[in-house]
């Protein structure tokens, strides 16, 4: 018996897998529907760099992107993560066209890309898209400011628990494919510190770490180990987007 023909890529992915796009009706999608392009988002891919002129916005579906700042010495830390709940490229409709931060894919997958001109037409329409994108921007600002406070006031173990929970929320799979080196770069700390913190969480039975794979065994317990930043950001996002 002949093997079934593989389904085309477009049959496996739909724009509505992104929660922002799913939040508008088919009629409200018309300003963007013709310009959405399904793209692969590869691990380490740079979506934009500091000071560069943005050409596209990205609406991840299965990929996760990291927004972060890089110092003159080359050190960096994540300021926010963006997955299927949001979009990358708010500077396009906020009027800046560029930003001092960068965006890099931290979890490979797919998403939808839209040219800046199409996004601006949707935003300037002053309809549902404008309200939705502005509310999302406020939610993203909450995440950025809360992350800054988290780095200053909470332990690395608390930060790691918060980061793992947030990343798992954005990932369709229950397992994160990520190395300790990458996590250390996200949190702006030494790899040894992540090894120690991950070991403590694993000893408590909250996670399992092996060969670049992290499984969340006990999310409820992990939430107990995380600081309040995880709950604050999640609640604010749900409040704003439910409106």
Protein backbone atom coordinates (compact mmCIF):
# COMPACT_ATOMS: atom_id res chain seq x y z
CA UNK A 1 0.00 0.00 0.00
CA UNK A 2 1.38 3.39 -0.95
CA UNK A 3 2.22 5.74 1.88
CA UNK A 4 -0.20 8.68 2.25
CA UNK A 5 0.99 11.86 0.61
CA UNK A 6 2.35 14.35 3.13
CA UNK A 7 0.12 17.28 3.85
CA UNK A 8 1.37 20.64 2.59
CA UNK A 9 2.93 22.91 5.19
CA UNK A 10 0.08 25.41 4.95
CA UNK A 11 -2.36 22.67 5.97
CA UNK A 12 -0.50 22.19 9.25
CA UNK A 13 -0.41 25.86 10.19
CA UNK A 14 -3.06 28.57 10.34
CA UNK A 15 -2.77 32.25 11.33
CA UNK A 16 -5.34 31.67 14.09
CA UNK A 17 -2.71 29.67 16.02
CA UNK A 18 -1.44 33.10 17.02
CA UNK A 19 -3.69 34.46 19.76
CA UNK A 20 -3.64 38.06 18.53
CA UNK A 21 -4.82 37.03 15.09
CA UNK A 22 -7.38 34.69 16.63
CA UNK A 23 -8.75 37.65 18.58
CA UNK A 24 -10.25 39.35 15.52
CA UNK A 25 -13.04 38.24 13.20
CA UNK A 26 -12.57 37.14 9.60
CA UNK A 27 -13.87 40.51 8.40
CA UNK A 28 -11.46 42.36 10.67
CA UNK A 29 -8.60 40.25 9.30
CA UNK A 30 -9.09 41.55 5.75
CA UNK A 31 -6.46 44.33 6.02
CA UNK A 32 -3.81 41.67 6.78
CA UNK A 33 -5.11 38.43 5.32
CA UNK A 34 -3.58 38.92 1.87
CA UNK A 35 -0.13 39.84 3.20
CA UNK A 36 0.42 37.20 5.89
CA UNK A 37 3.29 34.92 4.92
CA UNK A 38 4.02 31.63 6.70
CA UNK A 39 7.73 31.49 7.54
CA UNK A 40 10.10 29.16 9.35
CA UNK A 41 11.70 30.78 12.39
CA UNK A 42 15.03 29.06 13.07
CA UNK A 43 16.91 28.85 16.37
CA UNK A 44 19.27 31.81 16.64
CA UNK A 45 17.69 33.69 13.72
CA UNK A 46 17.94 37.44 14.21
CA UNK A 47 14.59 39.09 13.46
CA UNK A 48 15.94 42.58 13.97
CA UNK A 49 19.06 44.23 15.38
CA UNK A 50 19.52 47.42 17.42
CA UNK A 51 19.00 50.50 15.28
CA UNK A 52 18.03 48.58 12.14
CA UNK A 53 15.03 49.65 10.09
CA UNK A 54 12.32 47.05 10.62
CA UNK A 55 10.65 45.73 7.49
CA UNK A 56 8.34 43.07 8.94
CA UNK A 57 6.36 42.18 12.02
CA UNK A 58 6.22 38.55 13.15
CA UNK A 59 3.28 36.69 14.68
CA UNK A 60 4.74 33.44 16.09
CA UNK A 61 2.62 30.31 16.18
CA UNK A 62 5.00 27.55 17.32
CA UNK A 63 8.23 29.56 17.60
CA UNK A 64 9.32 31.70 20.55
CA UNK A 65 11.39 34.88 20.18
CA UNK A 66 13.47 36.67 22.79
CA UNK A 67 13.75 40.45 23.04
CA UNK A 68 16.99 41.48 24.69
CA UNK A 69 19.57 44.19 25.08
CA UNK A 70 23.26 43.73 24.37
CA UNK A 71 25.88 45.86 26.14
CA UNK A 72 29.08 47.20 24.59
CA UNK A 73 30.99 44.33 26.22
CA UNK A 74 28.74 41.79 24.49
CA UNK A 75 26.79 40.79 27.60
CA UNK A 76 23.03 40.48 27.16
CA UNK A 77 19.84 39.68 29.03
CA UNK A 78 16.30 39.00 27.93
CA UNK A 79 13.75 41.75 28.57
CA UNK A 80 10.73 39.85 27.24
CA UNK A 81 9.70 36.68 25.48
CA UNK A 82 7.17 36.53 22.64
CA UNK A 83 5.36 33.43 21.46
CA UNK A 84 1.94 32.57 20.11
CA UNK A 85 0.35 35.07 22.48
CA UNK A 86 1.85 38.10 20.76
CA UNK A 87 3.95 39.68 18.04
CA UNK A 88 7.45 40.97 17.40
CA UNK A 89 7.85 44.48 16.01
CA UNK A 90 5.72 46.94 18.01
CA UNK A 91 8.08 49.78 17.00
CA UNK A 92 6.51 49.67 13.53
CA UNK A 93 3.13 50.97 14.66
CA UNK A 94 4.45 52.98 17.61
CA UNK A 95 6.24 55.23 15.13
CA UNK A 96 9.85 54.38 15.94
CA UNK A 97 10.59 52.07 12.98
CA UNK A 98 13.63 50.84 14.96
CA UNK A 99 14.61 50.10 18.56
CA UNK A 100 17.69 49.78 20.74
CA UNK A 101 16.91 46.13 21.48
CA UNK A 102 17.21 43.04 19.33
CA UNK A 103 14.95 40.06 18.68
CA UNK A 104 16.29 36.52 18.27
CA UNK A 105 14.46 33.20 17.89
CA UNK A 106 15.05 31.13 21.04
CA UNK A 107 12.74 28.21 20.16
CA UNK A 108 12.51 27.22 16.52
CA UNK A 109 9.15 26.82 14.86
CA UNK A 110 6.88 28.79 12.58
CA UNK A 111 5.08 32.08 12.48
CA UNK A 112 3.48 34.56 10.12
CA UNK A 113 5.30 37.55 8.73
CA UNK A 114 3.62 40.73 7.54
CA UNK A 115 5.20 43.72 5.81
CA UNK A 116 5.26 46.96 7.77
CA UNK A 117 3.05 48.77 5.22
CA UNK A 118 0.25 46.23 5.64
CA UNK A 119 0.53 46.38 9.42
CA UNK A 120 0.33 50.17 9.38
CA UNK A 121 -2.78 50.10 7.17
CA UNK A 122 -4.47 47.81 9.68
CA UNK A 123 -3.34 49.97 12.62
CA UNK A 124 -4.35 53.24 10.98
CA UNK A 125 -7.81 51.87 10.34
CA UNK A 126 -8.63 52.76 13.96
CA UNK A 127 -10.69 49.62 14.30
CA UNK A 128 -10.20 46.41 16.32
CA UNK A 129 -6.59 45.97 15.20
CA UNK A 130 -5.57 49.34 16.63
CA UNK A 131 -7.15 48.63 20.01
CA UNK A 132 -5.77 45.08 20.12
CA UNK A 133 -2.20 46.09 19.29
CA UNK A 134 -2.20 48.93 21.81
CA UNK A 135 -3.45 46.63 24.57
CA UNK A 136 -0.79 44.09 23.64
CA UNK A 137 1.85 46.81 23.83
CA UNK A 138 0.77 47.65 27.38
CA UNK A 139 0.98 43.95 28.31
CA UNK A 140 4.47 43.74 26.78
CA UNK A 141 5.56 46.85 28.70
CA UNK A 142 4.38 45.18 31.91
CA UNK A 143 6.50 42.13 31.11
CA UNK A 144 9.58 44.26 30.39
CA UNK A 145 9.30 46.34 33.57
CA UNK A 146 8.54 43.31 35.75
CA UNK A 147 11.52 41.46 34.29
CA UNK A 148 13.79 44.36 35.19
CA UNK A 149 12.55 44.24 38.79
CA UNK A 150 12.95 40.46 38.84
CA UNK A 151 16.62 40.64 37.85
CA UNK A 152 17.28 43.13 40.66
CA UNK A 153 15.35 41.62 43.56
CA UNK A 154 14.89 37.87 43.11
CA UNK A 155 17.19 34.86 43.34
CA UNK A 156 18.44 33.03 40.27
CA UNK A 157 16.37 29.99 41.25
CA UNK A 158 13.23 32.17 41.34
CA UNK A 159 14.14 33.78 38.02
CA UNK A 160 14.75 30.40 36.40
CA UNK A 161 11.40 29.05 37.62
CA UNK A 162 9.65 32.17 36.32
CA UNK A 163 11.40 31.91 32.95
CA UNK A 164 10.65 28.20 32.54
CA UNK A 165 6.95 28.69 33.30
CA UNK A 166 6.63 31.63 30.91
CA UNK A 167 8.46 29.82 28.11
CA UNK A 168 6.37 26.67 28.61
CA UNK A 169 3.19 28.77 28.31
CA UNK A 170 4.37 29.89 24.86
CA UNK A 171 5.41 26.43 23.66
CA UNK A 172 2.92 23.91 22.26
CA UNK A 173 5.01 20.98 23.55
CA UNK A 174 5.39 20.15 27.22
CA UNK A 175 9.15 19.88 26.87
CA UNK A 176 11.63 22.70 26.25
CA UNK A 177 14.59 22.01 23.96
CA UNK A 178 17.17 24.40 25.35
CA UNK A 179 20.68 24.33 26.77
CA UNK A 180 21.84 25.73 30.08
CA UNK A 181 24.17 28.06 28.17
CA UNK A 182 21.21 29.58 26.34
CA UNK A 183 19.19 29.98 29.54
CA UNK A 184 22.20 31.64 31.21
CA UNK A 185 22.40 34.08 28.30
CA UNK A 186 18.70 34.86 28.60
CA UNK A 187 18.96 35.64 32.30
CA UNK A 188 22.34 37.36 32.01
CA UNK A 189 24.09 35.10 34.53
CA UNK A 190 26.91 32.56 34.54
CA UNK A 191 26.20 29.02 33.33
CA UNK A 192 27.32 27.63 36.70
CA UNK A 193 24.56 29.60 38.39
CA UNK A 194 21.94 28.06 36.09
CA UNK A 195 23.38 24.59 36.69
CA UNK A 196 23.01 25.07 40.44
CA UNK A 197 19.49 26.51 40.21
CA UNK A 198 18.31 23.83 37.77
CA UNK A 199 19.77 21.15 40.02
CA UNK A 200 17.82 22.49 42.99
CA UNK A 201 14.56 22.51 41.02
CA UNK A 202 15.24 18.99 39.76
CA UNK A 203 16.01 17.73 43.27
CA UNK A 204 12.60 19.02 44.35
CA UNK A 205 10.95 17.07 41.54
CA UNK A 206 9.72 20.12 39.67
CA UNK A 207 11.72 19.62 36.45
CA UNK A 208 13.84 17.02 34.69
CA UNK A 209 16.91 18.15 32.77
CA UNK A 210 18.76 15.93 30.31
CA UNK A 211 20.86 16.64 27.22
CA UNK A 212 19.41 20.02 26.44
CA UNK A 213 15.82 19.03 27.20
CA UNK A 214 13.90 20.41 30.17
CA UNK A 215 10.59 18.80 31.12
CA UNK A 216 8.21 20.45 33.59
CA UNK A 217 7.14 17.60 35.88
CA UNK A 218 5.31 19.66 38.49
CA UNK A 219 4.18 23.08 37.20
CA UNK A 220 2.30 23.80 40.43
CA UNK A 221 5.42 23.19 42.48
CA UNK A 222 7.46 25.26 40.05
CA UNK A 223 5.03 28.14 40.53
CA UNK A 224 5.68 27.94 44.25
CA UNK A 225 9.40 28.31 43.59
CA UNK A 226 8.93 31.19 41.17
CA UNK A 227 8.69 34.80 42.28
CA UNK A 228 5.47 36.79 41.98
CA UNK A 229 6.62 38.21 38.62
CA UNK A 230 5.26 35.22 36.70
CA UNK A 231 1.74 35.63 38.10
CA UNK A 232 1.72 39.42 37.74
CA UNK A 233 2.68 39.36 34.07
CA UNK A 234 0.30 36.51 33.23
CA UNK A 235 -2.64 38.14 35.02
CA UNK A 236 -2.05 41.51 33.38
CA UNK A 237 -1.81 39.94 29.95
CA UNK A 238 -5.05 38.01 30.46
CA UNK A 239 -6.80 41.12 31.78
CA UNK A 240 -5.78 43.30 28.87
CA UNK A 241 -6.38 40.79 26.10
CA UNK A 242 -9.71 39.63 27.51
CA UNK A 243 -10.96 43.21 27.12
